[in-house]
């Protein structure tokens, strides 16, 4: 009986496996930044190129002209930062009370039309941690499961001021 059940399970799981391996994963192609009534969208390829080369191009270059040089350098450092944490540790963190709290605090800053914000953030963190580049801001942005990731800059600024920056937000979650 167990043998027949396992055979049925295998037959039923094959189409699911084929579908999930042949369909392309949906990930962020654009980063949209919102500040009050203003919104600017930047292709993720320009963000990746900036992280690799340190040189901004296209829309990102136009946007960074409005940002002081020291803040551009901080952005570049943040995009290049890699955290030494793997998928298993990220999963444990996301399932811990403090990890859930961090995701809940970050969720309103990333604007979505649906109610899947916390799931999208968790999925992007897990995907980024499992990527060849490892977990970092850039891999998180690239792994976000939507064509456009929209970030509320006012909300982000408020979140950072309430938590004394990203270090405090993540430090508490990592037990530091």
Protein backbone atom coordinates (compact mmCIF):
# COMPACT_ATOMS: atom_id res chain seq x y z
CA UNK A 1 0.00 0.00 0.00
CA UNK A 2 2.78 2.43 0.93
CA UNK A 3 4.53 1.60 -2.33
CA UNK A 4 1.38 2.49 -4.34
CA UNK A 5 0.94 5.75 -2.42
CA UNK A 6 4.53 6.79 -3.00
CA UNK A 7 4.16 6.02 -6.72
CA UNK A 8 1.02 8.19 -6.90
CA UNK A 9 2.75 10.94 -4.99
CA UNK A 10 5.66 10.80 -7.43
CA UNK A 11 3.34 10.91 -10.46
CA UNK A 12 1.37 13.83 -9.04
CA UNK A 13 4.48 15.77 -8.06
CA UNK A 14 6.18 15.52 -11.47
CA UNK A 15 4.00 18.17 -13.17
CA UNK A 16 4.53 20.51 -10.24
CA UNK A 17 8.29 20.01 -10.44
CA UNK A 18 8.31 20.56 -14.19
CA UNK A 19 6.23 23.72 -13.89
CA UNK A 20 8.33 25.20 -11.13
CA UNK A 21 11.62 24.50 -12.87
CA UNK A 22 10.61 25.78 -16.30
CA UNK A 23 8.75 28.93 -15.31
CA UNK A 24 10.99 31.94 -14.74
CA UNK A 25 11.03 33.36 -11.23
CA UNK A 26 9.50 36.80 -10.95
CA UNK A 27 11.90 39.25 -9.38
CA UNK A 28 12.32 42.99 -9.19
CA UNK A 29 13.26 44.62 -12.49
CA UNK A 30 12.74 48.16 -11.21
CA UNK A 31 13.20 50.01 -7.96
CA UNK A 32 10.62 52.75 -7.46
CA UNK A 33 11.33 55.37 -4.80
CA UNK A 34 8.44 57.39 -3.39
CA UNK A 35 8.82 60.56 -1.34
CA UNK A 36 5.46 62.18 -0.64
CA UNK A 37 3.85 62.97 -4.01
CA UNK A 38 7.10 62.34 -5.93
CA UNK A 39 8.06 59.01 -7.43
CA UNK A 40 11.09 57.95 -9.45
CA UNK A 41 11.71 54.53 -10.94
CA UNK A 42 15.18 53.14 -11.63
CA UNK A 43 15.95 49.90 -13.50
CA UNK A 44 17.47 47.31 -11.18
CA UNK A 45 20.19 46.75 -13.79
CA UNK A 46 21.42 50.32 -13.13
CA UNK A 47 21.47 49.67 -9.38
CA UNK A 48 23.46 46.44 -9.92
CA UNK A 49 25.88 48.18 -12.26
CA UNK A 50 26.39 50.97 -9.72
CA UNK A 51 27.15 48.40 -7.00
CA UNK A 52 29.69 46.62 -9.23
CA UNK A 53 31.45 49.59 -10.82
CA UNK A 54 30.77 52.49 -8.47
CA UNK A 55 29.59 54.50 -11.50
CA UNK A 56 25.92 55.48 -11.80
CA UNK A 57 24.28 55.56 -15.23
CA UNK A 58 20.93 56.54 -16.71
CA UNK A 59 18.08 57.29 -14.34
CA UNK A 60 20.12 56.37 -11.29
CA UNK A 61 22.78 58.89 -12.28
CA UNK A 62 20.14 61.62 -12.62
CA UNK A 63 18.68 60.71 -9.23
CA UNK A 64 22.06 60.58 -7.47
CA UNK A 65 22.87 64.10 -8.64
CA UNK A 66 20.38 65.20 -5.97
CA UNK A 67 22.22 63.27 -3.25
CA UNK A 68 25.38 64.54 -1.47
CA UNK A 69 28.61 62.67 -2.32
CA UNK A 70 29.01 61.23 1.20
CA UNK A 71 25.49 59.74 1.03
CA UNK A 72 26.24 58.27 -2.41
CA UNK A 73 29.29 56.57 -0.89
CA UNK A 74 27.17 55.24 1.98
CA UNK A 75 24.65 53.87 -0.52
CA UNK A 76 27.44 52.16 -2.45
CA UNK A 77 28.78 50.59 0.78
CA UNK A 78 25.29 49.40 1.69
CA UNK A 79 24.76 47.86 -1.76
CA UNK A 80 28.09 46.03 -1.51
CA UNK A 81 27.57 44.78 2.05
CA UNK A 82 27.22 41.01 2.45
CA UNK A 83 26.00 39.43 5.67
CA UNK A 84 27.62 36.12 6.69
CA UNK A 85 24.31 34.36 7.22
CA UNK A 86 22.90 31.42 5.27
CA UNK A 87 19.42 30.25 4.37
CA UNK A 88 19.01 28.10 7.49
CA UNK A 89 19.93 30.98 9.81
CA UNK A 90 17.67 33.40 7.89
CA UNK A 91 14.80 30.92 8.12
CA UNK A 92 15.31 30.51 11.87
CA UNK A 93 15.51 34.28 12.27
CA UNK A 94 12.33 34.87 10.24
CA UNK A 95 10.46 32.34 12.37
CA UNK A 96 11.64 33.85 15.66
CA UNK A 97 9.54 36.49 17.46
CA UNK A 98 12.13 39.22 16.88
CA UNK A 99 12.52 38.25 13.21
CA UNK A 100 8.77 38.47 12.71
CA UNK A 101 8.80 41.86 14.44
CA UNK A 102 11.54 43.17 12.11
CA UNK A 103 9.63 42.02 9.02
CA UNK A 104 6.43 43.60 10.37
CA UNK A 105 8.26 46.92 10.88
CA UNK A 106 9.82 46.88 7.41
CA UNK A 107 6.68 45.74 5.57
CA UNK A 108 4.84 49.12 5.50
CA UNK A 109 7.92 50.77 3.97
CA UNK A 110 7.73 48.52 0.89
CA UNK A 111 4.48 49.48 -0.80
CA UNK A 112 2.33 46.76 -2.38
CA UNK A 113 -1.18 46.66 -3.77
CA UNK A 114 -1.83 43.30 -2.16
CA UNK A 115 -1.43 42.21 1.46
CA UNK A 116 1.58 39.95 0.82
CA UNK A 117 4.24 42.37 2.07
CA UNK A 118 5.59 40.24 4.91
CA UNK A 119 5.62 37.11 2.74
CA UNK A 120 7.39 38.97 -0.07
CA UNK A 121 10.06 40.30 2.30
CA UNK A 122 10.61 36.88 3.87
CA UNK A 123 10.79 35.22 0.46
CA UNK A 124 13.27 37.79 -0.83
CA UNK A 125 15.47 37.38 2.26
CA UNK A 126 15.51 33.59 1.90
CA UNK A 127 16.16 33.78 -1.85
CA UNK A 128 18.94 36.32 -1.36
CA UNK A 129 20.57 34.23 1.38
CA UNK A 130 20.57 31.25 -0.97
CA UNK A 131 21.92 33.18 -3.94
CA UNK A 132 25.51 32.84 -5.18
CA UNK A 133 26.16 36.40 -3.96
CA UNK A 134 24.83 35.71 -0.46
CA UNK A 135 22.56 37.91 1.63
CA UNK A 136 23.02 41.62 1.09
CA UNK A 137 20.98 44.67 0.22
CA UNK A 138 21.52 44.24 -3.53
CA UNK A 139 20.65 40.54 -3.56
CA UNK A 140 17.56 41.30 -1.44
CA UNK A 141 16.43 44.01 -3.88
CA UNK A 142 17.05 41.71 -6.85
CA UNK A 143 15.18 38.83 -5.17
CA UNK A 144 12.06 40.80 -4.27
CA UNK A 145 9.08 38.94 -5.83
CA UNK A 146 7.48 41.74 -7.86
CA UNK A 147 8.37 43.39 -11.13
CA UNK A 148 8.73 46.72 -9.32
CA UNK A 149 9.75 47.14 -5.71
CA UNK A 150 8.30 50.41 -4.40
CA UNK A 151 9.94 51.95 -1.33
CA UNK A 152 8.42 54.77 0.73
CA UNK A 153 11.47 56.91 1.56
CA UNK A 154 9.65 58.89 4.26
CA UNK A 155 8.59 55.67 5.94
CA UNK A 156 12.11 54.27 5.63
CA UNK A 157 13.61 57.41 7.16
CA UNK A 158 11.09 57.27 10.01
CA UNK A 159 11.82 53.57 10.59
CA UNK A 160 15.58 54.21 10.74
CA UNK A 161 15.18 57.16 13.10
CA UNK A 162 12.97 55.06 15.40
CA UNK A 163 15.41 52.16 15.43
CA UNK A 164 18.64 54.20 15.27
CA UNK A 165 19.43 52.85 11.83
CA UNK A 166 19.66 49.52 10.13
CA UNK A 167 22.32 48.26 12.54
CA UNK A 168 19.98 48.52 15.50
CA UNK A 169 17.12 46.98 13.53
CA UNK A 170 19.20 44.01 12.39
CA UNK A 171 21.42 43.91 15.47
CA UNK A 172 18.46 43.18 17.69
CA UNK A 173 17.30 40.46 15.34
CA UNK A 174 20.77 38.90 15.18
CA UNK A 175 21.22 39.01 18.94
CA UNK A 176 23.90 41.75 18.89
